[in-house]
PDB file of N, CA and C in Angstrom:
ATOM      1  N   MET A   1     120.374 115.661  88.127  1.00  0.00           N
ATOM      2  CA  MET A   1     119.710 116.824  87.565  1.00  0.00           C
ATOM      3  C   MET A   1     118.243 116.904  87.997  1.00  0.00           C
ATOM      4  N   ALA A   2     117.604 115.759  88.126  1.00  0.00           N
ATOM      5  CA  ALA A   2     116.195 115.777  88.512  1.00  0.00           C
ATOM      6  C   ALA A   2     116.001 116.417  89.880  1.00  0.00           C
ATOM      7  N   GLY A   3     116.981 116.269  90.761  1.00  0.00           N
ATOM      8  CA  GLY A   3     116.850 116.769  92.121  1.00  0.00           C
ATOM      9  C   GLY A   3     116.797 118.274  92.243  1.00  0.00           C
ATOM     10  N   VAL A   4     117.380 119.010  91.305  1.00  0.00           N
ATOM     11  CA  VAL A   4     117.373 120.473  91.421  1.00  0.00           C
ATOM     12  C   VAL A   4     115.959 121.027  91.291  1.00  0.00           C
ATOM     13  N   ASN A   5     115.150 120.493  90.380  1.00  0.00           N
ATOM     14  CA  ASN A   5     113.765 120.956  90.270  1.00  0.00           C
ATOM     15  C   ASN A   5     112.970 120.624  91.519  1.00  0.00           C
ATOM     16  N   ASP A   6     113.194 119.426  92.034  1.00  0.00           N
ATOM     17  CA  ASP A   6     112.465 119.020  93.230  1.00  0.00           C
ATOM     18  C   ASP A   6     112.907 119.842  94.443  1.00  0.00           C
ATOM     19  N   PHE A   7     114.207 120.100  94.558  1.00  0.00           N
ATOM     20  CA  PHE A   7     114.707 120.981  95.623  1.00  0.00           C
ATOM     21  C   PHE A   7     114.056 122.353  95.497  1.00  0.00           C
ATOM     22  N   ASN A   8     114.017 122.884  94.293  1.00  0.00           N
ATOM     23  CA  ASN A   8     113.454 124.213  94.075  1.00  0.00           C
ATOM     24  C   ASN A   8     111.978 124.267  94.480  1.00  0.00           C
ATOM     25  N   SER A   9     111.254 123.185  94.222  1.00  0.00           N
ATOM     26  CA  SER A   9     109.824 123.144  94.557  1.00  0.00           C
ATOM     27  C   SER A   9     109.551 122.775  96.005  1.00  0.00           C
ATOM     28  N   MET A  10     110.347 121.881  96.558  1.00  0.00           N
ATOM     29  CA  MET A  10     110.063 121.333  97.877  1.00  0.00           C
ATOM     30  C   MET A  10     110.832 122.005  99.009  1.00  0.00           C
ATOM     31  N   CYS A  11     112.019 122.545  98.737  1.00  0.00           N
ATOM     32  CA  CYS A  11     112.933 122.937  99.813  1.00  0.00           C
ATOM     33  C   CYS A  11     113.288 124.427  99.829  1.00  0.00           C
ATOM     34  N   ALA A  12     113.410 125.024  98.652  1.00  0.00           N
ATOM     35  CA  ALA A  12     113.984 126.373  98.549  1.00  0.00           C
ATOM     36  C   ALA A  12     113.170 127.442  99.274  1.00  0.00           C
ATOM     37  N   GLU A  13     111.875 127.266  99.379  1.00  0.00           N
ATOM     38  CA  GLU A  13     111.040 128.282 100.038  1.00  0.00           C
ATOM     39  C   GLU A  13     111.453 128.492 101.490  1.00  0.00           C
ATOM     40  N   CYS A  14     111.804 127.421 102.168  1.00  0.00           N
ATOM     41  CA  CYS A  14     112.201 127.510 103.577  1.00  0.00           C
ATOM     42  C   CYS A  14     113.717 127.573 103.767  1.00  0.00           C
ATOM     43  N   HIS A  15     114.453 126.794 102.950  1.00  0.00           N
ATOM     44  CA  HIS A  15     115.895 126.670 103.144  1.00  0.00           C
ATOM     45  C   HIS A  15     116.702 127.659 102.306  1.00  0.00           C
ATOM     46  N   THR A  16     116.075 128.375 101.408  1.00  0.00           N
ATOM     47  CA  THR A  16     116.666 129.409 100.554  1.00  0.00           C
ATOM     48  C   THR A  16     117.708 128.822  99.598  1.00  0.00           C
ATOM     49  N   ALA A  17     117.463 129.033  98.323  1.00  0.00           N
ATOM     50  CA  ALA A  17     118.367 128.554  97.269  1.00  0.00           C
ATOM     51  C   ALA A  17     119.560 129.495  97.129  1.00  0.00           C
ATOM     52  N   PRO A  18     120.655 128.993  96.588  1.00  0.00           N
ATOM     53  CA  PRO A  18     121.832 129.846  96.373  1.00  0.00           C
ATOM     54  C   PRO A  18     121.489 131.085  95.540  1.00  0.00           C
ATOM     55  N   GLY A  19     122.008 132.210  95.974  1.00  0.00           N
ATOM     56  CA  GLY A  19     121.804 133.455  95.246  1.00  0.00           C
ATOM     57  C   GLY A  19     120.480 134.135  95.487  1.00  0.00           C
ATOM     58  N   ARG A  20     119.664 133.577  96.338  1.00  0.00           N
ATOM     59  CA  ARG A  20     118.344 134.155  96.626  1.00  0.00           C
ATOM     60  C   ARG A  20     118.307 134.690  98.049  1.00  0.00           C
ATOM     61  N   VAL A  21     117.399 135.631  98.267  1.00  0.00           N
ATOM     62  CA  VAL A  21     117.186 136.137  99.624  1.00  0.00           C
ATOM     63  C   VAL A  21     116.122 135.266 100.289  1.00  0.00           C
ATOM     64  N   PRO A  22     116.192 135.114 101.600  1.00  0.00           N
ATOM     65  CA  PRO A  22     115.171 134.309 102.282  1.00  0.00           C
ATOM     66  C   PRO A  22     113.764 134.851 102.025  1.00  0.00           C
ATOM     67  N   SER A  23     112.839 133.934 101.797  1.00  0.00           N
ATOM     68  CA  SER A  23     111.438 134.294 101.574  1.00  0.00           C
ATOM     69  C   SER A  23     110.813 134.772 102.882  1.00  0.00           C
ATOM     70  N   PRO A  24     109.652 135.432 102.794  1.00  0.00           N
ATOM     71  CA  PRO A  24     108.957 135.799 104.025  1.00  0.00           C
ATOM     72  C   PRO A  24     108.673 134.576 104.915  1.00  0.00           C
ATOM     73  N   LEU A  25     108.340 133.453 104.297  1.00  0.00           N
ATOM     74  CA  LEU A  25     108.107 132.229 105.064  1.00  0.00           C
ATOM     75  C   LEU A  25     109.380 131.810 105.793  1.00  0.00           C
ATOM     76  N   ALA A  26     110.503 131.803 105.089  1.00  0.00           N
ATOM     77  CA  ALA A  26     111.774 131.403 105.705  1.00  0.00           C
ATOM     78  C   ALA A  26     112.142 132.331 106.858  1.00  0.00           C
ATOM     79  N   ARG A  27     111.911 133.622 106.673  1.00  0.00           N
ATOM     80  CA  ARG A  27     112.254 134.575 107.736  1.00  0.00           C
ATOM     81  C   ARG A  27     111.380 134.388 108.965  1.00  0.00           C
ATOM     82  N   GLY A  28     110.190 133.817 108.792  1.00  0.00           N
ATOM     83  CA  GLY A  28     109.275 133.645 109.909  1.00  0.00           C
ATOM     84  C   GLY A  28     109.355 132.299 110.608  1.00  0.00           C
ATOM     85  N   LEU A  29     110.150 131.383 110.107  1.00  0.00           N
ATOM     86  CA  LEU A  29     110.229 130.069 110.746  1.00  0.00           C
ATOM     87  C   LEU A  29     110.942 130.152 112.097  1.00  0.00           C
ATOM     88  N   ASN A  30     110.358 129.476 113.076  1.00  0.00           N
ATOM     89  CA  ASN A  30     110.936 129.429 114.406  1.00  0.00           C
ATOM     90  C   ASN A  30     110.790 128.003 114.933  1.00  0.00           C
ATOM     91  N   PRO A  31     111.842 127.221 114.946  1.00  0.00           N
ATOM     92  CA  PRO A  31     113.228 127.580 114.674  1.00  0.00           C
ATOM     93  C   PRO A  31     113.466 127.760 113.180  1.00  0.00           C
ATOM     94  N   PRO A  32     114.510 128.523 112.835  1.00  0.00           N
ATOM     95  CA  PRO A  32     114.805 128.740 111.411  1.00  0.00           C
ATOM     96  C   PRO A  32     115.240 127.444 110.735  1.00  0.00           C
ATOM     97  N   ALA A  33     114.960 127.352 109.448  1.00  0.00           N
ATOM     98  CA  ALA A  33     115.403 126.188 108.672  1.00  0.00           C
ATOM     99  C   ALA A  33     116.915 126.248 108.505  1.00  0.00           C
ATOM    100  N   PRO A  34     117.596 125.112 108.642  1.00  0.00           N
ATOM    101  CA  PRO A  34     119.051 125.127 108.494  1.00  0.00           C
ATOM    102  C   PRO A  34     119.480 125.351 107.052  1.00  0.00           C
ATOM    103  N   ASP A  35     120.710 125.778 106.879  1.00  0.00           N
ATOM    104  CA  ASP A  35     121.321 125.924 105.565  1.00  0.00           C
ATOM    105  C   ASP A  35     121.638 124.513 105.061  1.00  0.00           C
ATOM    106  N   LEU A  36     120.974 124.093 103.996  1.00  0.00           N
ATOM    107  CA  LEU A  36     121.157 122.721 103.530  1.00  0.00           C
ATOM    108  C   LEU A  36     122.523 122.487 102.897  1.00  0.00           C
ATOM    109  N   ALA A  37     123.179 123.530 102.433  1.00  0.00           N
ATOM    110  CA  ALA A  37     124.546 123.364 101.937  1.00  0.00           C
ATOM    111  C   ALA A  37     125.462 122.948 103.085  1.00  0.00           C
ATOM    112  N   GLU A  38     125.280 123.544 104.241  1.00  0.00           N
ATOM    113  CA  GLU A  38     126.070 123.150 105.420  1.00  0.00           C
ATOM    114  C   GLU A  38     125.670 121.764 105.904  1.00  0.00           C
ATOM    115  N   GLU A  39     124.379 121.490 105.937  1.00  0.00           N
ATOM    116  CA  GLU A  39     123.900 120.180 106.400  1.00  0.00           C
ATOM    117  C   GLU A  39     124.435 119.057 105.515  1.00  0.00           C
ATOM    118  N   ALA A  40     124.530 119.313 104.204  1.00  0.00           N
ATOM    119  CA  ALA A  40     125.026 118.290 103.285  1.00  0.00           C
ATOM    120  C   ALA A  40     126.484 117.940 103.567  1.00  0.00           C
ATOM    121  N   LEU A  41     127.235 118.901 104.100  1.00  0.00           N
ATOM    122  CA  LEU A  41     128.630 118.641 104.453  1.00  0.00           C
ATOM    123  C   LEU A  41     128.763 117.920 105.793  1.00  0.00           C
ATOM    124  N   GLU A  42     127.770 118.107 106.667  1.00  0.00           N
ATOM    125  CA  GLU A  42     127.843 117.574 108.028  1.00  0.00           C
ATOM    126  C   GLU A  42     127.113 116.254 108.226  1.00  0.00           C
ATOM    127  N   GLU A  43     126.071 116.013 107.448  1.00  0.00           N
ATOM    128  CA  GLU A  43     125.235 114.822 107.642  1.00  0.00           C
ATOM    129  C   GLU A  43     125.406 113.836 106.488  1.00  0.00           C
ATOM    130  N   SER A  44     125.196 112.570 106.771  1.00  0.00           N
ATOM    131  CA  SER A  44     125.279 111.548 105.726  1.00  0.00           C
ATOM    132  C   SER A  44     124.055 111.636 104.809  1.00  0.00           C
ATOM    133  N   PRO A  45     124.178 111.148 103.573  1.00  0.00           N
ATOM    134  CA  PRO A  45     122.998 111.100 102.696  1.00  0.00           C
ATOM    135  C   PRO A  45     121.849 110.312 103.327  1.00  0.00           C
ATOM    136  N   GLU A  46     122.163 109.262 104.063  1.00  0.00           N
ATOM    137  CA  GLU A  46     121.115 108.460 104.697  1.00  0.00           C
ATOM    138  C   GLU A  46     120.345 109.271 105.747  1.00  0.00           C
ATOM    139  N   THR A  47     121.063 110.089 106.516  1.00  0.00           N
ATOM    140  CA  THR A  47     120.402 110.940 107.512  1.00  0.00           C
ATOM    141  C   THR A  47     119.549 111.998 106.825  1.00  0.00           C
ATOM    142  N   LEU A  48     120.088 112.622 105.784  1.00  0.00           N
ATOM    143  CA  LEU A  48     119.322 113.624 105.049  1.00  0.00           C
ATOM    144  C   LEU A  48     118.059 113.013 104.443  1.00  0.00           C
ATOM    145  N   PHE A  49     118.181 111.787 103.929  1.00  0.00           N
ATOM    146  CA  PHE A  49     117.019 111.096 103.383  1.00  0.00           C
ATOM    147  C   PHE A  49     115.976 110.864 104.471  1.00  0.00           C
ATOM    148  N   TRP A  50     116.414 110.362 105.633  1.00  0.00           N
ATOM    149  CA  TRP A  50     115.480 110.070 106.716  1.00  0.00           C
ATOM    150  C   TRP A  50     114.731 111.327 107.143  1.00  0.00           C
ATOM    151  N   VAL A  51     115.452 112.426 107.298  1.00  0.00           N
ATOM    152  CA  VAL A  51     114.815 113.686 107.713  1.00  0.00           C
ATOM    153  C   VAL A  51     113.837 114.161 106.647  1.00  0.00           C
ATOM    154  N   THR A  52     114.243 114.073 105.385  1.00  0.00           N
ATOM    155  CA  THR A  52     113.360 114.515 104.296  1.00  0.00           C
ATOM    156  C   THR A  52     112.113 113.643 104.242  1.00  0.00           C
ATOM    157  N   LYS A  53     112.271 112.367 104.399  1.00  0.00           N
ATOM    158  CA  LYS A  53     111.132 111.448 104.331  1.00  0.00           C
ATOM    159  C   LYS A  53     110.207 111.575 105.542  1.00  0.00           C
ATOM    160  N   ASN A  54     110.791 111.690 106.732  1.00  0.00           N
ATOM    161  CA  ASN A  54     110.004 111.625 107.965  1.00  0.00           C
ATOM    162  C   ASN A  54     109.717 112.963 108.626  1.00  0.00           C
ATOM    163  N   GLY A  55     110.408 114.019 108.216  1.00  0.00           N
ATOM    164  CA  GLY A  55     110.200 115.326 108.821  1.00  0.00           C
ATOM    165  C   GLY A  55     110.807 115.411 110.207  1.00  0.00           C
ATOM    166  N   ILE A  56     110.633 116.567 110.828  1.00  0.00           N
ATOM    167  CA  ILE A  56     111.120 116.791 112.194  1.00  0.00           C
ATOM    168  C   ILE A  56     109.980 117.399 112.997  1.00  0.00           C
ATOM    169  N   ARG A  57     109.582 116.713 114.030  1.00  0.00           N
ATOM    170  CA  ARG A  57     108.480 117.197 114.873  1.00  0.00           C
ATOM    171  C   ARG A  57     108.805 118.553 115.487  1.00  0.00           C
ATOM    172  N   MET A  58     107.772 119.334 115.676  1.00  0.00           N
ATOM    173  CA  MET A  58     107.842 120.633 116.339  1.00  0.00           C
ATOM    174  C   MET A  58     108.688 121.645 115.555  1.00  0.00           C
ATOM    175  N   THR A  59     108.817 121.425 114.248  1.00  0.00           N
ATOM    176  CA  THR A  59     109.481 122.380 113.363  1.00  0.00           C
ATOM    177  C   THR A  59     108.596 122.520 112.121  1.00  0.00           C
ATOM    178  N   GLY A  60     109.040 123.313 111.188  1.00  0.00           N
ATOM    179  CA  GLY A  60     108.314 123.452 109.932  1.00  0.00           C
ATOM    180  C   GLY A  60     108.670 122.389 108.912  1.00  0.00           C
ATOM    181  N   MET A  61     109.538 121.422 109.286  1.00  0.00           N
ATOM    182  CA  MET A  61     109.987 120.414 108.327  1.00  0.00           C
ATOM    183  C   MET A  61     108.938 119.332 108.149  1.00  0.00           C
ATOM    184  N   PRO A  62     108.310 119.283 106.943  1.00  0.00           N
ATOM    185  CA  PRO A  62     107.277 118.274 106.699  1.00  0.00           C
ATOM    186  C   PRO A  62     107.870 116.894 106.447  1.00  0.00           C
ATOM    187  N   ALA A  63     107.051 115.893 106.574  1.00  0.00           N
ATOM    188  CA  ALA A  63     107.416 114.520 106.231  1.00  0.00           C
ATOM    189  C   ALA A  63     107.049 114.303 104.765  1.00  0.00           C
ATOM    190  N   TRP A  64     108.006 114.527 103.876  1.00  0.00           N
ATOM    191  CA  TRP A  64     107.730 114.420 102.439  1.00  0.00           C
ATOM    192  C   TRP A  64     107.394 112.997 102.034  1.00  0.00           C
ATOM    193  N   GLY A  65     107.716 112.022 102.864  1.00  0.00           N
ATOM    194  CA  GLY A  65     107.386 110.635 102.553  1.00  0.00           C
ATOM    195  C   GLY A  65     105.898 110.365 102.519  1.00  0.00           C
ATOM    196  N   ALA A  66     105.108 111.250 103.111  1.00  0.00           N
ATOM    197  CA  ALA A  66     103.652 111.087 103.069  1.00  0.00           C
ATOM    198  C   ALA A  66     103.097 111.348 101.669  1.00  0.00           C
ATOM    199  N   SER A  67     103.832 112.112 100.858  1.00  0.00           N
ATOM    200  CA  SER A  67     103.336 112.454  99.519  1.00  0.00           C
ATOM    201  C   SER A  67     104.326 112.129  98.399  1.00  0.00           C
ATOM    202  N   HIS A  68     105.513 111.642  98.765  1.00  0.00           N
ATOM    203  CA  HIS A  68     106.545 111.339  97.780  1.00  0.00           C
ATOM    204  C   HIS A  68     107.147 109.966  98.079  1.00  0.00           C
ATOM    205  N   SER A  69     107.396 109.186  97.031  1.00  0.00           N
ATOM    206  CA  SER A  69     108.020 107.875  97.204  1.00  0.00           C
ATOM    207  C   SER A  69     109.509 108.037  97.495  1.00  0.00           C
ATOM    208  N   ASP A  70     110.118 106.963  97.948  1.00  0.00           N
ATOM    209  CA  ASP A  70     111.568 106.981  98.155  1.00  0.00           C
ATOM    210  C   ASP A  70     112.284 107.367  96.861  1.00  0.00           C
ATOM    211  N   GLU A  71     111.796 106.849  95.743  1.00  0.00           N
ATOM    212  CA  GLU A  71     112.401 107.141  94.443  1.00  0.00           C
ATOM    213  C   GLU A  71     112.275 108.620  94.074  1.00  0.00           C
ATOM    214  N   ASP A  72     111.275 109.302  94.608  1.00  0.00           N
ATOM    215  CA  ASP A  72     111.116 110.743  94.377  1.00  0.00           C
ATOM    216  C   ASP A  72     112.015 111.563  95.298  1.00  0.00           C
ATOM    217  N   ILE A  73     112.338 111.041  96.465  1.00  0.00           N
ATOM    218  CA  ILE A  73     113.133 111.781  97.455  1.00  0.00           C
ATOM    219  C   ILE A  73     114.634 111.671  97.174  1.00  0.00           C
ATOM    220  N   TRP A  74     115.108 110.508  96.732  1.00  0.00           N
ATOM    221  CA  TRP A  74     116.549 110.322  96.550  1.00  0.00           C
ATOM    222  C   TRP A  74     117.197 111.320  95.596  1.00  0.00           C
ATOM    223  N   PRO A  75     116.553 111.753  94.490  1.00  0.00           N
ATOM    224  CA  PRO A  75     117.201 112.762  93.644  1.00  0.00           C
ATOM    225  C   PRO A  75     117.465 114.083  94.380  1.00  0.00           C
ATOM    226  N   VAL A  76     116.600 114.442  95.312  1.00  0.00           N
ATOM    227  CA  VAL A  76     116.826 115.656  96.102  1.00  0.00           C
ATOM    228  C   VAL A  76     118.073 115.474  96.963  1.00  0.00           C
ATOM    229  N   ILE A  77     118.211 114.319  97.571  1.00  0.00           N
ATOM    230  CA  ILE A  77     119.379 114.049  98.409  1.00  0.00           C
ATOM    231  C   ILE A  77     120.646 114.053  97.551  1.00  0.00           C
ATOM    232  N   ALA A  78     120.570 113.503  96.355  1.00  0.00           N
ATOM    233  CA  ALA A  78     121.719 113.540  95.444  1.00  0.00           C
ATOM    234  C   ALA A  78     122.074 114.990  95.106  1.00  0.00           C
ATOM    235  N   PHE A  79     121.071 115.819  94.873  1.00  0.00           N
ATOM    236  CA  PHE A  79     121.336 117.229  94.584  1.00  0.00           C
ATOM    237  C   PHE A  79     121.999 117.924  95.774  1.00  0.00           C
ATOM    238  N   LEU A  80     121.596 117.583  96.980  1.00  0.00           N
ATOM    239  CA  LEU A  80     122.196 118.210  98.166  1.00  0.00           C
ATOM    240  C   LEU A  80     123.704 117.989  98.229  1.00  0.00           C
ATOM    241  N   GLN A  81     124.189 116.914  97.614  1.00  0.00           N
ATOM    242  CA  GLN A  81     125.623 116.637  97.639  1.00  0.00           C
ATOM    243  C   GLN A  81     126.412 117.652  96.803  1.00  0.00           C
ATOM    244  N   VAL A  82     125.789 118.276  95.808  1.00  0.00           N
ATOM    245  CA  VAL A  82     126.468 119.300  94.996  1.00  0.00           C
ATOM    246  C   VAL A  82     126.107 120.713  95.433  1.00  0.00           C
ATOM    247  N   LEU A  83     125.076 120.849  96.233  1.00  0.00           N
ATOM    248  CA  LEU A  83     124.617 122.166  96.677  1.00  0.00           C
ATOM    249  C   LEU A  83     125.718 123.015  97.306  1.00  0.00           C
ATOM    250  N   PRO A  84     126.607 122.462  98.147  1.00  0.00           N
ATOM    251  CA  PRO A  84     127.643 123.309  98.757  1.00  0.00           C
ATOM    252  C   PRO A  84     128.568 123.997  97.747  1.00  0.00           C
ATOM    253  N   ASP A  85     128.643 123.470  96.535  1.00  0.00           N
ATOM    254  CA  ASP A  85     129.535 124.028  95.515  1.00  0.00           C
ATOM    255  C   ASP A  85     128.859 125.046  94.600  1.00  0.00           C
ATOM    256  N   LEU A  86     127.591 125.334  94.830  1.00  0.00           N
ATOM    257  CA  LEU A  86     126.841 126.193  93.908  1.00  0.00           C
ATOM    258  C   LEU A  86     126.708 127.620  94.415  1.00  0.00           C
ATOM    259  N   ASP A  87     126.859 128.556  93.495  1.00  0.00           N
ATOM    260  CA  ASP A  87     126.483 129.939  93.769  1.00  0.00           C
ATOM    261  C   ASP A  87     125.164 130.185  93.029  1.00  0.00           C
ATOM    262  N   GLY A  88     124.660 131.393  93.096  1.00  0.00           N
ATOM    263  CA  GLY A  88     123.373 131.704  92.484  1.00  0.00           C
ATOM    264  C   GLY A  88     123.342 131.479  90.988  1.00  0.00           C
ATOM    265  N   ILE A  89     124.416 131.817  90.301  1.00  0.00           N
ATOM    266  CA  ILE A  89     124.469 131.648  88.846  1.00  0.00           C
ATOM    267  C   ILE A  89     124.470 130.170  88.484  1.00  0.00           C
ATOM    268  N   ALA A  90     125.303 129.394  89.144  1.00  0.00           N
ATOM    269  CA  ALA A  90     125.362 127.954  88.864  1.00  0.00           C
ATOM    270  C   ALA A  90     124.027 127.273  89.178  1.00  0.00           C
ATOM    271  N   TYR A  91     123.363 127.725  90.235  1.00  0.00           N
ATOM    272  CA  TYR A  91     122.057 127.159  90.592  1.00  0.00           C
ATOM    273  C   TYR A  91     121.044 127.435  89.479  1.00  0.00           C
ATOM    274  N   GLN A  92     121.003 128.662  88.997  1.00  0.00           N
ATOM    275  CA  GLN A  92     120.071 129.017  87.912  1.00  0.00           C
ATOM    276  C   GLN A  92     120.386 128.235  86.647  1.00  0.00           C
ATOM    277  N   GLU A  93     121.664 128.052  86.345  1.00  0.00           N
ATOM    278  CA  GLU A  93     122.055 127.277  85.163  1.00  0.00           C
ATOM    279  C   GLU A  93     121.582 125.831  85.284  1.00  0.00           C
ATOM    280  N   LEU A  94     121.713 125.250  86.473  1.00  0.00           N
ATOM    281  CA  LEU A  94     121.228 123.883  86.682  1.00  0.00           C
ATOM    282  C   LEU A  94     119.719 123.796  86.494  1.00  0.00           C
ATOM    283  N   LEU A  95     118.995 124.784  87.019  1.00  0.00           N
ATOM    284  CA  LEU A  95     117.538 124.790  86.831  1.00  0.00           C
ATOM    285  C   LEU A  95     117.176 124.822  85.351  1.00  0.00           C
ATOM    286  N   GLU A  96     117.909 125.623  84.584  1.00  0.00           N
ATOM    287  CA  GLU A  96     117.652 125.700  83.138  1.00  0.00           C
ATOM    288  C   GLU A  96     117.943 124.360  82.468  1.00  0.00           C
ATOM    289  N   GLU A  97     119.064 123.737  82.808  1.00  0.00           N
ATOM    290  CA  GLU A  97     119.454 122.457  82.218  1.00  0.00           C
ATOM    291  C   GLU A  97     118.488 121.339  82.596  1.00  0.00           C
ATOM    292  N   ALA A  98     117.875 121.440  83.759  1.00  0.00           N
ATOM    293  CA  ALA A  98     117.042 120.359  84.291  1.00  0.00           C
ATOM    294  C   ALA A  98     115.563 120.502  83.926  1.00  0.00           C
ATOM    295  N   LYS A  99     115.218 121.456  83.077  1.00  0.00           N
ATOM    296  CA  LYS A  99     113.799 121.609  82.721  1.00  0.00           C
ATOM    297  C   LYS A  99     113.239 120.286  82.220  1.00  0.00           C
ATOM    298  N   GLY A 100     112.077 119.936  82.757  1.00  0.00           N
ATOM    299  CA  GLY A 100     111.402 118.708  82.359  1.00  0.00           C
ATOM    300  C   GLY A 100     111.834 117.469  83.135  1.00  0.00           C
ATOM    301  N   MET A 101     112.790 117.608  84.044  1.00  0.00           N
ATOM    302  CA  MET A 101     113.279 116.449  84.811  1.00  0.00           C
ATOM    303  C   MET A 101     112.754 116.496  86.241  1.00  0.00           C
ATOM    304  N   GLY A 102     112.613 115.336  86.838  1.00  0.00           N
ATOM    305  CA  GLY A 102     112.250 115.249  88.243  1.00  0.00           C
ATOM    306  C   GLY A 102     110.759 115.189  88.480  1.00  0.00           C
ATOM    307  N   HIS A 103     110.431 114.894  89.708  1.00  0.00           N
ATOM    308  CA  HIS A 103     109.029 114.773  90.139  1.00  0.00           C
ATOM    309  C   HIS A 103     108.300 116.109  89.989  1.00  0.00           C
ATOM    310  N   HIS A 104     108.995 117.206  90.230  1.00  0.00           N
ATOM    311  CA  HIS A 104     108.420 118.544  90.125  1.00  0.00           C
ATOM    312  C   HIS A 104     108.967 119.249  88.895  1.00  0.00           C
ATOM    313  N   ALA A 105     108.968 118.586  87.762  1.00  0.00           N
ATOM    314  CA  ALA A 105     109.526 119.131  86.523  1.00  0.00           C
ATOM    315  C   ALA A 105     108.822 120.421  86.127  1.00  0.00           C
ATOM    316  N   HIS A 106     109.629 121.355  85.628  1.00  0.00           N
ATOM    317  CA  HIS A 106     109.086 122.640  85.154  1.00  0.00           C
ATOM    318  C   HIS A 106     109.294 122.764  83.669  1.00  0.00           C
TER     319      HIS A 106
END
């Protein structure tokens, strides 16, 4: 549950959350940010963690490890494992349930 708030704060602006339209920032990224629901099905949690922690050069993907501990990043990776099953309503419900949880608690 903690990972949904952190995803919403750290990832959704570029990768677009379920049920939302891409932000102006997301529409302007070149190369575009991948769909993390698809990436979660294709990549291992360890690979997703490495990319989240270290970033990807020459893209808009930051190295979150510079400002977040491993313990702060793993809940986001755990959330990515359920992301493929979420629609916009389920995503909003999770955000409501997760209030006060995670590094970026709301």
